């Protein structure tokens, strides 16, 4: 949902290791 992505939409990047638990990869 948009509400799940919006807190991650800060313009910052994450490493692959960090992105996995966030659901970005």
PDBML (XML) file of the C-alpha atoms, coordinates in Angstrom:
<?xml version="1.0" encoding="UTF-8" ?>
<PDBx:datablock datablockName="MODEL"
   xmlns:PDBx="http://pdbml.pdb.org/schema/pdbx-v50.xsd"
   xmlns:xsi="http://www.w3.org/2001/XMLSchema-instance"
   xsi:schemaLocation="http://pdbml.pdb.org/schema/pdbx-v50.xsd pdbx-v50.xsd">
   <PDBx:atom_siteCategory>
      <PDBx:atom_site id="1">
         <PDBx:B_iso_or_equiv>0.00</PDBx:B_iso_or_equiv>
         <PDBx:Cartn_x>0.000</PDBx:Cartn_x>
         <PDBx:Cartn_y>0.000</PDBx:Cartn_y>
         <PDBx:Cartn_z>0.000</PDBx:Cartn_z>
         <PDBx:auth_asym_id>A</PDBx:auth_asym_id>
         <PDBx:auth_atom_id>CA</PDBx:auth_atom_id>
         <PDBx:auth_comp_id>UNK</PDBx:auth_comp_id>
         <PDBx:auth_seq_id>1</PDBx:auth_seq_id>
         <PDBx:group_PDB>ATOM</PDBx:group_PDB>
         <PDBx:label_alt_id xsi:nil="true" />
         <PDBx:label_asym_id>A</PDBx:label_asym_id>
         <PDBx:label_atom_id>CA</PDBx:label_atom_id>
         <PDBx:label_comp_id>UNK</PDBx:label_comp_id>
         <PDBx:label_entity_id>1</PDBx:label_entity_id>
         <PDBx:label_seq_id>1</PDBx:label_seq_id>
         <PDBx:occupancy>1.00</PDBx:occupancy>
         <PDBx:pdbx_PDB_model_num>1</PDBx:pdbx_PDB_model_num>
         <PDBx:type_symbol>C</PDBx:type_symbol>
      </PDBx:atom_site>
      <PDBx:atom_site id="2">
         <PDBx:B_iso_or_equiv>0.00</PDBx:B_iso_or_equiv>
         <PDBx:Cartn_x>0.954</PDBx:Cartn_x>
         <PDBx:Cartn_y>3.642</PDBx:Cartn_y>
         <PDBx:Cartn_z>-0.375</PDBx:Cartn_z>
         <PDBx:auth_asym_id>A</PDBx:auth_asym_id>
         <PDBx:auth_atom_id>CA</PDBx:auth_atom_id>
         <PDBx:auth_comp_id>UNK</PDBx:auth_comp_id>
         <PDBx:auth_seq_id>2</PDBx:auth_seq_id>
         <PDBx:group_PDB>ATOM</PDBx:group_PDB>
         <PDBx:label_alt_id xsi:nil="true" />
         <PDBx:label_asym_id>A</PDBx:label_asym_id>
         <PDBx:label_atom_id>CA</PDBx:label_atom_id>
         <PDBx:label_comp_id>UNK</PDBx:label_comp_id>
         <PDBx:label_entity_id>1</PDBx:label_entity_id>
         <PDBx:label_seq_id>2</PDBx:label_seq_id>
         <PDBx:occupancy>1.00</PDBx:occupancy>
         <PDBx:pdbx_PDB_model_num>1</PDBx:pdbx_PDB_model_num>
         <PDBx:type_symbol>C</PDBx:type_symbol>
      </PDBx:atom_site>
      <PDBx:atom_site id="3">
         <PDBx:B_iso_or_equiv>0.00</PDBx:B_iso_or_equiv>
         <PDBx:Cartn_x>0.972</PDBx:Cartn_x>
         <PDBx:Cartn_y>3.982</PDBx:Cartn_y>
         <PDBx:Cartn_z>3.418</PDBx:Cartn_z>
         <PDBx:auth_asym_id>A</PDBx:auth_asym_id>
         <PDBx:auth_atom_id>CA</PDBx:auth_atom_id>
         <PDBx:auth_comp_id>UNK</PDBx:auth_comp_id>
         <PDBx:auth_seq_id>3</PDBx:auth_seq_id>
         <PDBx:group_PDB>ATOM</PDBx:group_PDB>
         <PDBx:label_alt_id xsi:nil="true" />
         <PDBx:label_asym_id>A</PDBx:label_asym_id>
         <PDBx:label_atom_id>CA</PDBx:label_atom_id>
         <PDBx:label_comp_id>UNK</PDBx:label_comp_id>
         <PDBx:label_entity_id>1</PDBx:label_entity_id>
         <PDBx:label_seq_id>3</PDBx:label_seq_id>
         <PDBx:occupancy>1.00</PDBx:occupancy>
         <PDBx:pdbx_PDB_model_num>1</PDBx:pdbx_PDB_model_num>
         <PDBx:type_symbol>C</PDBx:type_symbol>
      </PDBx:atom_site>
      <PDBx:atom_site id="4">
         <PDBx:B_iso_or_equiv>0.00</PDBx:B_iso_or_equiv>
         <PDBx:Cartn_x>3.627</PDBx:Cartn_x>
         <PDBx:Cartn_y>1.261</PDBx:Cartn_y>
         <PDBx:Cartn_z>3.697</PDBx:Cartn_z>
         <PDBx:auth_asym_id>A</PDBx:auth_asym_id>
         <PDBx:auth_atom_id>CA</PDBx:auth_atom_id>
         <PDBx:auth_comp_id>UNK</PDBx:auth_comp_id>
         <PDBx:auth_seq_id>4</PDBx:auth_seq_id>
         <PDBx:group_PDB>ATOM</PDBx:group_PDB>
         <PDBx:label_alt_id xsi:nil="true" />
         <PDBx:label_asym_id>A</PDBx:label_asym_id>
         <PDBx:label_atom_id>CA</PDBx:label_atom_id>
         <PDBx:label_comp_id>UNK</PDBx:label_comp_id>
         <PDBx:label_entity_id>1</PDBx:label_entity_id>
         <PDBx:label_seq_id>4</PDBx:label_seq_id>
         <PDBx:occupancy>1.00</PDBx:occupancy>
         <PDBx:pdbx_PDB_model_num>1</PDBx:pdbx_PDB_model_num>
         <PDBx:type_symbol>C</PDBx:type_symbol>
      </PDBx:atom_site>
      <PDBx:atom_site id="5">
         <PDBx:B_iso_or_equiv>0.00</PDBx:B_iso_or_equiv>
         <PDBx:Cartn_x>5.893</PDBx:Cartn_x>
         <PDBx:Cartn_y>2.908</PDBx:Cartn_y>
         <PDBx:Cartn_z>1.114</PDBx:Cartn_z>
         <PDBx:auth_asym_id>A</PDBx:auth_asym_id>
         <PDBx:auth_atom_id>CA</PDBx:auth_atom_id>
         <PDBx:auth_comp_id>UNK</PDBx:auth_comp_id>
         <PDBx:auth_seq_id>5</PDBx:auth_seq_id>
         <PDBx:group_PDB>ATOM</PDBx:group_PDB>
         <PDBx:label_alt_id xsi:nil="true" />
         <PDBx:label_asym_id>A</PDBx:label_asym_id>
         <PDBx:label_atom_id>CA</PDBx:label_atom_id>
         <PDBx:label_comp_id>UNK</PDBx:label_comp_id>
         <PDBx:label_entity_id>1</PDBx:label_entity_id>
         <PDBx:label_seq_id>5</PDBx:label_seq_id>
         <PDBx:occupancy>1.00</PDBx:occupancy>
         <PDBx:pdbx_PDB_model_num>1</PDBx:pdbx_PDB_model_num>
         <PDBx:type_symbol>C</PDBx:type_symbol>
      </PDBx:atom_site>
      <PDBx:atom_site id="6">
         <PDBx:B_iso_or_equiv>0.00</PDBx:B_iso_or_equiv>
         <PDBx:Cartn_x>5.476</PDBx:Cartn_x>
         <PDBx:Cartn_y>6.532</PDBx:Cartn_y>
         <PDBx:Cartn_z>2.179</PDBx:Cartn_z>
         <PDBx:auth_asym_id>A</PDBx:auth_asym_id>
         <PDBx:auth_atom_id>CA</PDBx:auth_atom_id>
         <PDBx:auth_comp_id>UNK</PDBx:auth_comp_id>
         <PDBx:auth_seq_id>6</PDBx:auth_seq_id>
         <PDBx:group_PDB>ATOM</PDBx:group_PDB>
         <PDBx:label_alt_id xsi:nil="true" />
         <PDBx:label_asym_id>A</PDBx:label_asym_id>
         <PDBx:label_atom_id>CA</PDBx:label_atom_id>
         <PDBx:label_comp_id>UNK</PDBx:label_comp_id>
         <PDBx:label_entity_id>1</PDBx:label_entity_id>
         <PDBx:label_seq_id>6</PDBx:label_seq_id>
         <PDBx:occupancy>1.00</PDBx:occupancy>
         <PDBx:pdbx_PDB_model_num>1</PDBx:pdbx_PDB_model_num>
         <PDBx:type_symbol>C</PDBx:type_symbol>
      </PDBx:atom_site>
      <PDBx:atom_site id="7">
         <PDBx:B_iso_or_equiv>0.00</PDBx:B_iso_or_equiv>
         <PDBx:Cartn_x>7.624</PDBx:Cartn_x>
         <PDBx:Cartn_y>6.272</PDBx:Cartn_y>
         <PDBx:Cartn_z>5.363</PDBx:Cartn_z>
         <PDBx:auth_asym_id>A</PDBx:auth_asym_id>
         <PDBx:auth_atom_id>CA</PDBx:auth_atom_id>
         <PDBx:auth_comp_id>UNK</PDBx:auth_comp_id>
         <PDBx:auth_seq_id>7</PDBx:auth_seq_id>
         <PDBx:group_PDB>ATOM</PDBx:group_PDB>
         <PDBx:label_alt_id xsi:nil="true" />
         <PDBx:label_asym_id>A</PDBx:label_asym_id>
         <PDBx:label_atom_id>CA</PDBx:label_atom_id>
         <PDBx:label_comp_id>UNK</PDBx:label_comp_id>
         <PDBx:label_entity_id>1</PDBx:label_entity_id>
         <PDBx:label_seq_id>7</PDBx:label_seq_id>
         <PDBx:occupancy>1.00</PDBx:occupancy>
         <PDBx:pdbx_PDB_model_num>1</PDBx:pdbx_PDB_model_num>
         <PDBx:type_symbol>C</PDBx:type_symbol>
      </PDBx:atom_site>
      <PDBx:atom_site id="8">
         <PDBx:B_iso_or_equiv>0.00</PDBx:B_iso_or_equiv>
         <PDBx:Cartn_x>10.421</PDBx:Cartn_x>
         <PDBx:Cartn_y>4.898</PDBx:Cartn_y>
         <PDBx:Cartn_z>3.145</PDBx:Cartn_z>
         <PDBx:auth_asym_id>A</PDBx:auth_asym_id>
         <PDBx:auth_atom_id>CA</PDBx:auth_atom_id>
         <PDBx:auth_comp_id>UNK</PDBx:auth_comp_id>
         <PDBx:auth_seq_id>8</PDBx:auth_seq_id>
         <PDBx:group_PDB>ATOM</PDBx:group_PDB>
         <PDBx:label_alt_id xsi:nil="true" />
         <PDBx:label_asym_id>A</PDBx:label_asym_id>
         <PDBx:label_atom_id>CA</PDBx:label_atom_id>
         <PDBx:label_comp_id>UNK</PDBx:label_comp_id>
         <PDBx:label_entity_id>1</PDBx:label_entity_id>
         <PDBx:label_seq_id>8</PDBx:label_seq_id>
         <PDBx:occupancy>1.00</PDBx:occupancy>
         <PDBx:pdbx_PDB_model_num>1</PDBx:pdbx_PDB_model_num>
         <PDBx:type_symbol>C</PDBx:type_symbol>
      </PDBx:atom_site>
      <PDBx:atom_site id="9">
         <PDBx:B_iso_or_equiv>0.00</PDBx:B_iso_or_equiv>
         <PDBx:Cartn_x>10.021</PDBx:Cartn_x>
         <PDBx:Cartn_y>7.672</PDBx:Cartn_y>
         <PDBx:Cartn_z>0.568</PDBx:Cartn_z>
         <PDBx:auth_asym_id>A</PDBx:auth_asym_id>
         <PDBx:auth_atom_id>CA</PDBx:auth_atom_id>
         <PDBx:auth_comp_id>UNK</PDBx:auth_comp_id>
         <PDBx:auth_seq_id>9</PDBx:auth_seq_id>
         <PDBx:group_PDB>ATOM</PDBx:group_PDB>
         <PDBx:label_alt_id xsi:nil="true" />
         <PDBx:label_asym_id>A</PDBx:label_asym_id>
         <PDBx:label_atom_id>CA</PDBx:label_atom_id>
         <PDBx:label_comp_id>UNK</PDBx:label_comp_id>
         <PDBx:label_entity_id>1</PDBx:label_entity_id>
         <PDBx:label_seq_id>9</PDBx:label_seq_id>
         <PDBx:occupancy>1.00</PDBx:occupancy>
         <PDBx:pdbx_PDB_model_num>1</PDBx:pdbx_PDB_model_num>
         <PDBx:type_symbol>C</PDBx:type_symbol>
      </PDBx:atom_site>
      <PDBx:atom_site id="10">
         <PDBx:B_iso_or_equiv>0.00</PDBx:B_iso_or_equiv>
         <PDBx:Cartn_x>12.465</PDBx:Cartn_x>
         <PDBx:Cartn_y>10.087</PDBx:Cartn_y>
         <PDBx:Cartn_z>2.162</PDBx:Cartn_z>
         <PDBx:auth_asym_id>A</PDBx:auth_asym_id>
         <PDBx:auth_atom_id>CA</PDBx:auth_atom_id>
         <PDBx:auth_comp_id>UNK</PDBx:auth_comp_id>
         <PDBx:auth_seq_id>10</PDBx:auth_seq_id>
         <PDBx:group_PDB>ATOM</PDBx:group_PDB>
         <PDBx:label_alt_id xsi:nil="true" />
         <PDBx:label_asym_id>A</PDBx:label_asym_id>
         <PDBx:label_atom_id>CA</PDBx:label_atom_id>
         <PDBx:label_comp_id>UNK</PDBx:label_comp_id>
         <PDBx:label_entity_id>1</PDBx:label_entity_id>
         <PDBx:label_seq_id>10</PDBx:label_seq_id>
         <PDBx:occupancy>1.00</PDBx:occupancy>
         <PDBx:pdbx_PDB_model_num>1</PDBx:pdbx_PDB_model_num>
         <PDBx:type_symbol>C</PDBx:type_symbol>
      </PDBx:atom_site>
      <PDBx:atom_site id="11">
         <PDBx:B_iso_or_equiv>0.00</PDBx:B_iso_or_equiv>
         <PDBx:Cartn_x>14.861</PDBx:Cartn_x>
         <PDBx:Cartn_y>10.225</PDBx:Cartn_y>
         <PDBx:Cartn_z>-0.762</PDBx:Cartn_z>
         <PDBx:auth_asym_id>A</PDBx:auth_asym_id>
         <PDBx:auth_atom_id>CA</PDBx:auth_atom_id>
         <PDBx:auth_comp_id>UNK</PDBx:auth_comp_id>
         <PDBx:auth_seq_id>11</PDBx:auth_seq_id>
         <PDBx:group_PDB>ATOM</PDBx:group_PDB>
         <PDBx:label_alt_id xsi:nil="true" />
         <PDBx:label_asym_id>A</PDBx:label_asym_id>
         <PDBx:label_atom_id>CA</PDBx:label_atom_id>
         <PDBx:label_comp_id>UNK</PDBx:label_comp_id>
         <PDBx:label_entity_id>1</PDBx:label_entity_id>
         <PDBx:label_seq_id>11</PDBx:label_seq_id>
         <PDBx:occupancy>1.00</PDBx:occupancy>
         <PDBx:pdbx_PDB_model_num>1</PDBx:pdbx_PDB_model_num>
         <PDBx:type_symbol>C</PDBx:type_symbol>
      </PDBx:atom_site>
      <PDBx:atom_site id="12">
         <PDBx:B_iso_or_equiv>0.00</PDBx:B_iso_or_equiv>
         <PDBx:Cartn_x>17.465</PDBx:Cartn_x>
         <PDBx:Cartn_y>8.192</PDBx:Cartn_y>
         <PDBx:Cartn_z>1.106</PDBx:Cartn_z>
         <PDBx:auth_asym_id>A</PDBx:auth_asym_id>
         <PDBx:auth_atom_id>CA</PDBx:auth_atom_id>
         <PDBx:auth_comp_id>UNK</PDBx:auth_comp_id>
         <PDBx:auth_seq_id>12</PDBx:auth_seq_id>
         <PDBx:group_PDB>ATOM</PDBx:group_PDB>
         <PDBx:label_alt_id xsi:nil="true" />
         <PDBx:label_asym_id>A</PDBx:label_asym_id>
         <PDBx:label_atom_id>CA</PDBx:label_atom_id>
         <PDBx:label_comp_id>UNK</PDBx:label_comp_id>
         <PDBx:label_entity_id>1</PDBx:label_entity_id>
         <PDBx:label_seq_id>12</PDBx:label_seq_id>
         <PDBx:occupancy>1.00</PDBx:occupancy>
         <PDBx:pdbx_PDB_model_num>1</PDBx:pdbx_PDB_model_num>
         <PDBx:type_symbol>C</PDBx:type_symbol>
      </PDBx:atom_site>
      <PDBx:atom_site id="13">
         <PDBx:B_iso_or_equiv>0.00</PDBx:B_iso_or_equiv>
         <PDBx:Cartn_x>19.081</PDBx:Cartn_x>
         <PDBx:Cartn_y>4.960</PDBx:Cartn_y>
         <PDBx:Cartn_z>-0.075</PDBx:Cartn_z>
         <PDBx:auth_asym_id>A</PDBx:auth_asym_id>
         <PDBx:auth_atom_id>CA</PDBx:auth_atom_id>
         <PDBx:auth_comp_id>UNK</PDBx:auth_comp_id>
         <PDBx:auth_seq_id>13</PDBx:auth_seq_id>
         <PDBx:group_PDB>ATOM</PDBx:group_PDB>
         <PDBx:label_alt_id xsi:nil="true" />
         <PDBx:label_asym_id>A</PDBx:label_asym_id>
         <PDBx:label_atom_id>CA</PDBx:label_atom_id>
         <PDBx:label_comp_id>UNK</PDBx:label_comp_id>
         <PDBx:label_entity_id>1</PDBx:label_entity_id>
         <PDBx:label_seq_id>13</PDBx:label_seq_id>
         <PDBx:occupancy>1.00</PDBx:occupancy>
         <PDBx:pdbx_PDB_model_num>1</PDBx:pdbx_PDB_model_num>
         <PDBx:type_symbol>C</PDBx:type_symbol>
      </PDBx:atom_site>
      <PDBx:atom_site id="14">
         <PDBx:B_iso_or_equiv>0.00</PDBx:B_iso_or_equiv>
         <PDBx:Cartn_x>19.619</PDBx:Cartn_x>
         <PDBx:Cartn_y>1.675</PDBx:Cartn_y>
         <PDBx:Cartn_z>1.719</PDBx:Cartn_z>
         <PDBx:auth_asym_id>A</PDBx:auth_asym_id>
         <PDBx:auth_atom_id>CA</PDBx:auth_atom_id>
         <PDBx:auth_comp_id>UNK</PDBx:auth_comp_id>
         <PDBx:auth_seq_id>14</PDBx:auth_seq_id>
         <PDBx:group_PDB>ATOM</PDBx:group_PDB>
         <PDBx:label_alt_id xsi:nil="true" />
         <PDBx:label_asym_id>A</PDBx:label_asym_id>
         <PDBx:label_atom_id>CA</PDBx:label_atom_id>
         <PDBx:label_comp_id>UNK</PDBx:label_comp_id>
         <PDBx:label_entity_id>1</PDBx:label_entity_id>
         <PDBx:label_seq_id>14</PDBx:label_seq_id>
         <PDBx:occupancy>1.00</PDBx:occupancy>
         <PDBx:pdbx_PDB_model_num>1</PDBx:pdbx_PDB_model_num>
         <PDBx:type_symbol>C</PDBx:type_symbol>
      </PDBx:atom_site>
      <PDBx:atom_site id="15">
         <PDBx:B_iso_or_equiv>0.00</PDBx:B_iso_or_equiv>
         <PDBx:Cartn_x>22.099</PDBx:Cartn_x>
         <PDBx:Cartn_y>-1.105</PDBx:Cartn_y>
         <PDBx:Cartn_z>1.185</PDBx:Cartn_z>
         <PDBx:auth_asym_id>A</PDBx:auth_asym_id>
         <PDBx:auth_atom_id>CA</PDBx:auth_atom_id>
         <PDBx:auth_comp_id>UNK</PDBx:auth_comp_id>
         <PDBx:auth_seq_id>15</PDBx:auth_seq_id>
         <PDBx:group_PDB>ATOM</PDBx:group_PDB>
         <PDBx:label_alt_id xsi:nil="true" />
         <PDBx:label_asym_id>A</PDBx:label_asym_id>
         <PDBx:label_atom_id>CA</PDBx:label_atom_id>
         <PDBx:label_comp_id>UNK</PDBx:label_comp_id>
         <PDBx:label_entity_id>1</PDBx:label_entity_id>
         <PDBx:label_seq_id>15</PDBx:label_seq_id>
         <PDBx:occupancy>1.00</PDBx:occupancy>
         <PDBx:pdbx_PDB_model_num>1</PDBx:pdbx_PDB_model_num>
         <PDBx:type_symbol>C</PDBx:type_symbol>
      </PDBx:atom_site>
      <PDBx:atom_site id="16">
         <PDBx:B_iso_or_equiv>0.00</PDBx:B_iso_or_equiv>
         <PDBx:Cartn_x>20.781</PDBx:Cartn_x>
         <PDBx:Cartn_y>-4.397</PDBx:Cartn_y>
         <PDBx:Cartn_z>-0.126</PDBx:Cartn_z>
         <PDBx:auth_asym_id>A</PDBx:auth_asym_id>
         <PDBx:auth_atom_id>CA</PDBx:auth_atom_id>
         <PDBx:auth_comp_id>UNK</PDBx:auth_comp_id>
         <PDBx:auth_seq_id>16</PDBx:auth_seq_id>
         <PDBx:group_PDB>ATOM</PDBx:group_PDB>
         <PDBx:label_alt_id xsi:nil="true" />
         <PDBx:label_asym_id>A</PDBx:label_asym_id>
         <PDBx:label_atom_id>CA</PDBx:label_atom_id>
         <PDBx:label_comp_id>UNK</PDBx:label_comp_id>
         <PDBx:label_entity_id>1</PDBx:label_entity_id>
         <PDBx:label_seq_id>16</PDBx:label_seq_id>
         <PDBx:occupancy>1.00</PDBx:occupancy>
         <PDBx:pdbx_PDB_model_num>1</PDBx:pdbx_PDB_model_num>
         <PDBx:type_symbol>C</PDBx:type_symbol>
      </PDBx:atom_site>
      <PDBx:atom_site id="17">
         <PDBx:B_iso_or_equiv>0.00</PDBx:B_iso_or_equiv>
         <PDBx:Cartn_x>21.230</PDBx:Cartn_x>
         <PDBx:Cartn_y>-5.863</PDBx:Cartn_y>
         <PDBx:Cartn_z>3.343</PDBx:Cartn_z>
         <PDBx:auth_asym_id>A</PDBx:auth_asym_id>
         <PDBx:auth_atom_id>CA</PDBx:auth_atom_id>
         <PDBx:auth_comp_id>UNK</PDBx:auth_comp_id>
         <PDBx:auth_seq_id>17</PDBx:auth_seq_id>
         <PDBx:group_PDB>ATOM</PDBx:group_PDB>
         <PDBx:label_alt_id xsi:nil="true" />
         <PDBx:label_asym_id>A</PDBx:label_asym_id>
         <PDBx:label_atom_id>CA</PDBx:label_atom_id>
         <PDBx:label_comp_id>UNK</PDBx:label_comp_id>
         <PDBx:label_entity_id>1</PDBx:label_entity_id>
         <PDBx:label_seq_id>17</PDBx:label_seq_id>
         <PDBx:occupancy>1.00</PDBx:occupancy>
         <PDBx:pdbx_PDB_model_num>1</PDBx:pdbx_PDB_model_num>
         <PDBx:type_symbol>C</PDBx:type_symbol>
      </PDBx:atom_site>
      <PDBx:atom_site id="18">
         <PDBx:B_iso_or_equiv>0.00</PDBx:B_iso_or_equiv>
         <PDBx:Cartn_x>19.091</PDBx:Cartn_x>
         <PDBx:Cartn_y>-3.081</PDBx:Cartn_y>
         <PDBx:Cartn_z>4.854</PDBx:Cartn_z>
         <PDBx:auth_asym_id>A</PDBx:auth_asym_id>
         <PDBx:auth_atom_id>CA</PDBx:auth_atom_id>
         <PDBx:auth_comp_id>UNK</PDBx:auth_comp_id>
         <PDBx:auth_seq_id>18</PDBx:auth_seq_id>
         <PDBx:group_PDB>ATOM</PDBx:group_PDB>
         <PDBx:label_alt_id xsi:nil="true" />
         <PDBx:label_asym_id>A</PDBx:label_asym_id>
         <PDBx:label_atom_id>CA</PDBx:label_atom_id>
         <PDBx:label_comp_id>UNK</PDBx:label_comp_id>
         <PDBx:label_entity_id>1</PDBx:label_entity_id>
         <PDBx:label_seq_id>18</PDBx:label_seq_id>
         <PDBx:occupancy>1.00</PDBx:occupancy>
         <PDBx:pdbx_PDB_model_num>1</PDBx:pdbx_PDB_model_num>
         <PDBx:type_symbol>C</PDBx:type_symbol>
      </PDBx:atom_site>
      <PDBx:atom_site id="19">
         <PDBx:B_iso_or_equiv>0.00</PDBx:B_iso_or_equiv>
         <PDBx:Cartn_x>16.552</PDBx:Cartn_x>
         <PDBx:Cartn_y>-3.071</PDBx:Cartn_y>
         <PDBx:Cartn_z>2.025</PDBx:Cartn_z>
         <PDBx:auth_asym_id>A</PDBx:auth_asym_id>
         <PDBx:auth_atom_id>CA</PDBx:auth_atom_id>
         <PDBx:auth_comp_id>UNK</PDBx:auth_comp_id>
         <PDBx:auth_seq_id>19</PDBx:auth_seq_id>
         <PDBx:group_PDB>ATOM</PDBx:group_PDB>
         <PDBx:label_alt_id xsi:nil="true" />
         <PDBx:label_asym_id>A</PDBx:label_asym_id>
         <PDBx:label_atom_id>CA</PDBx:label_atom_id>
         <PDBx:label_comp_id>UNK</PDBx:label_comp_id>
         <PDBx:label_entity_id>1</PDBx:label_entity_id>
         <PDBx:label_seq_id>19</PDBx:label_seq_id>
         <PDBx:occupancy>1.00</PDBx:occupancy>
         <PDBx:pdbx_PDB_model_num>1</PDBx:pdbx_PDB_model_num>
         <PDBx:type_symbol>C</PDBx:type_symbol>
      </PDBx:atom_site>
      <PDBx:atom_site id="20">
         <PDBx:B_iso_or_equiv>0.00</PDBx:B_iso_or_equiv>
         <PDBx:Cartn_x>15.577</PDBx:Cartn_x>
         <PDBx:Cartn_y>-6.741</PDBx:Cartn_y>
         <PDBx:Cartn_z>2.328</PDBx:Cartn_z>
         <PDBx:auth_asym_id>A</PDBx:auth_asym_id>
         <PDBx:auth_atom_id>CA</PDBx:auth_atom_id>
         <PDBx:auth_comp_id>UNK</PDBx:auth_comp_id>
         <PDBx:auth_seq_id>20</PDBx:auth_seq_id>
         <PDBx:group_PDB>ATOM</PDBx:group_PDB>
         <PDBx:label_alt_id xsi:nil="true" />
         <PDBx:label_asym_id>A</PDBx:label_asym_id>
         <PDBx:label_atom_id>CA</PDBx:label_atom_id>
         <PDBx:label_comp_id>UNK</PDBx:label_comp_id>
         <PDBx:label_entity_id>1</PDBx:label_entity_id>
         <PDBx:label_seq_id>20</PDBx:label_seq_id>
         <PDBx:occupancy>1.00</PDBx:occupancy>
         <PDBx:pdbx_PDB_model_num>1</PDBx:pdbx_PDB_model_num>
         <PDBx:type_symbol>C</PDBx:type_symbol>
      </PDBx:atom_site>
      <PDBx:atom_site id="21">
         <PDBx:B_iso_or_equiv>0.00</PDBx:B_iso_or_equiv>
         <PDBx:Cartn_x>13.748</PDBx:Cartn_x>
         <PDBx:Cartn_y>-6.509</PDBx:Cartn_y>
         <PDBx:Cartn_z>5.704</PDBx:Cartn_z>
         <PDBx:auth_asym_id>A</PDBx:auth_asym_id>
         <PDBx:auth_atom_id>CA</PDBx:auth_atom_id>
         <PDBx:auth_comp_id>UNK</PDBx:auth_comp_id>
         <PDBx:auth_seq_id>21</PDBx:auth_seq_id>
         <PDBx:group_PDB>ATOM</PDBx:group_PDB>
         <PDBx:label_alt_id xsi:nil="true" />
         <PDBx:label_asym_id>A</PDBx:label_asym_id>
         <PDBx:label_atom_id>CA</PDBx:label_atom_id>
         <PDBx:label_comp_id>UNK</PDBx:label_comp_id>
         <PDBx:label_entity_id>1</PDBx:label_entity_id>
         <PDBx:label_seq_id>21</PDBx:label_seq_id>
         <PDBx:occupancy>1.00</PDBx:occupancy>
         <PDBx:pdbx_PDB_model_num>1</PDBx:pdbx_PDB_model_num>
         <PDBx:type_symbol>C</PDBx:type_symbol>
      </PDBx:atom_site>
      <PDBx:atom_site id="22">
         <PDBx:B_iso_or_equiv>0.00</PDBx:B_iso_or_equiv>
         <PDBx:Cartn_x>12.151</PDBx:Cartn_x>
         <PDBx:Cartn_y>-3.245</PDBx:Cartn_y>
         <PDBx:Cartn_z>4.546</PDBx:Cartn_z>
         <PDBx:auth_asym_id>A</PDBx:auth_asym_id>
         <PDBx:auth_atom_id>CA</PDBx:auth_atom_id>
         <PDBx:auth_comp_id>UNK</PDBx:auth_comp_id>
         <PDBx:auth_seq_id>22</PDBx:auth_seq_id>
         <PDBx:group_PDB>ATOM</PDBx:group_PDB>
         <PDBx:label_alt_id xsi:nil="true" />
         <PDBx:label_asym_id>A</PDBx:label_asym_id>
         <PDBx:label_atom_id>CA</PDBx:label_atom_id>
         <PDBx:label_comp_id>UNK</PDBx:label_comp_id>
         <PDBx:label_entity_id>1</PDBx:label_entity_id>
         <PDBx:label_seq_id>22</PDBx:label_seq_id>
         <PDBx:occupancy>1.00</PDBx:occupancy>
         <PDBx:pdbx_PDB_model_num>1</PDBx:pdbx_PDB_model_num>
         <PDBx:type_symbol>C</PDBx:type_symbol>
      </PDBx:atom_site>
      <PDBx:atom_site id="23">
         <PDBx:B_iso_or_equiv>0.00</PDBx:B_iso_or_equiv>
         <PDBx:Cartn_x>10.547</PDBx:Cartn_x>
         <PDBx:Cartn_y>-5.079</PDBx:Cartn_y>
         <PDBx:Cartn_z>1.631</PDBx:Cartn_z>
         <PDBx:auth_asym_id>A</PDBx:auth_asym_id>
         <PDBx:auth_atom_id>CA</PDBx:auth_atom_id>
         <PDBx:auth_comp_id>UNK</PDBx:auth_comp_id>
         <PDBx:auth_seq_id>23</PDBx:auth_seq_id>
         <PDBx:group_PDB>ATOM</PDBx:group_PDB>
         <PDBx:label_alt_id xsi:nil="true" />
         <PDBx:label_asym_id>A</PDBx:label_asym_id>
         <PDBx:label_atom_id>CA</PDBx:label_atom_id>
         <PDBx:label_comp_id>UNK</PDBx:label_comp_id>
         <PDBx:label_entity_id>1</PDBx:label_entity_id>
         <PDBx:label_seq_id>23</PDBx:label_seq_id>
         <PDBx:occupancy>1.00</PDBx:occupancy>
         <PDBx:pdbx_PDB_model_num>1</PDBx:pdbx_PDB_model_num>
         <PDBx:type_symbol>C</PDBx:type_symbol>
      </PDBx:atom_site>
      <PDBx:atom_site id="24">
         <PDBx:B_iso_or_equiv>0.00</PDBx:B_iso_or_equiv>
         <PDBx:Cartn_x>12.293</PDBx:Cartn_x>
         <PDBx:Cartn_y>-2.964</PDBx:Cartn_y>
         <PDBx:Cartn_z>-0.997</PDBx:Cartn_z>
         <PDBx:auth_asym_id>A</PDBx:auth_asym_id>
         <PDBx:auth_atom_id>CA</PDBx:auth_atom_id>
         <PDBx:auth_comp_id>UNK</PDBx:auth_comp_id>
         <PDBx:auth_seq_id>24</PDBx:auth_seq_id>
         <PDBx:group_PDB>ATOM</PDBx:group_PDB>
         <PDBx:label_alt_id xsi:nil="true" />
         <PDBx:label_asym_id>A</PDBx:label_asym_id>
         <PDBx:label_atom_id>CA</PDBx:label_atom_id>
         <PDBx:label_comp_id>UNK</PDBx:label_comp_id>
         <PDBx:label_entity_id>1</PDBx:label_entity_id>
         <PDBx:label_seq_id>24</PDBx:label_seq_id>
         <PDBx:occupancy>1.00</PDBx:occupancy>
         <PDBx:pdbx_PDB_model_num>1</PDBx:pdbx_PDB_model_num>
         <PDBx:type_symbol>C</PDBx:type_symbol>
      </PDBx:atom_site>
      <PDBx:atom_site id="25">
         <PDBx:B_iso_or_equiv>0.00</PDBx:B_iso_or_equiv>
         <PDBx:Cartn_x>13.994</PDBx:Cartn_x>
         <PDBx:Cartn_y>-5.997</PDBx:Cartn_y>
         <PDBx:Cartn_z>-2.564</PDBx:Cartn_z>
         <PDBx:auth_asym_id>A</PDBx:auth_asym_id>
         <PDBx:auth_atom_id>CA</PDBx:auth_atom_id>
         <PDBx:auth_comp_id>UNK</PDBx:auth_comp_id>
         <PDBx:auth_seq_id>25</PDBx:auth_seq_id>
         <PDBx:group_PDB>ATOM</PDBx:group_PDB>
         <PDBx:label_alt_id xsi:nil="true" />
         <PDBx:label_asym_id>A</PDBx:label_asym_id>
         <PDBx:label_atom_id>CA</PDBx:label_atom_id>
         <PDBx:label_comp_id>UNK</PDBx:label_comp_id>
         <PDBx:label_entity_id>1</PDBx:label_entity_id>
         <PDBx:label_seq_id>25</PDBx:label_seq_id>
         <PDBx:occupancy>1.00</PDBx:occupancy>
         <PDBx:pdbx_PDB_model_num>1</PDBx:pdbx_PDB_model_num>
         <PDBx:type_symbol>C</PDBx:type_symbol>
      </PDBx:atom_site>
   </PDBx:atom_siteCategory>
</PDBx:datablock>
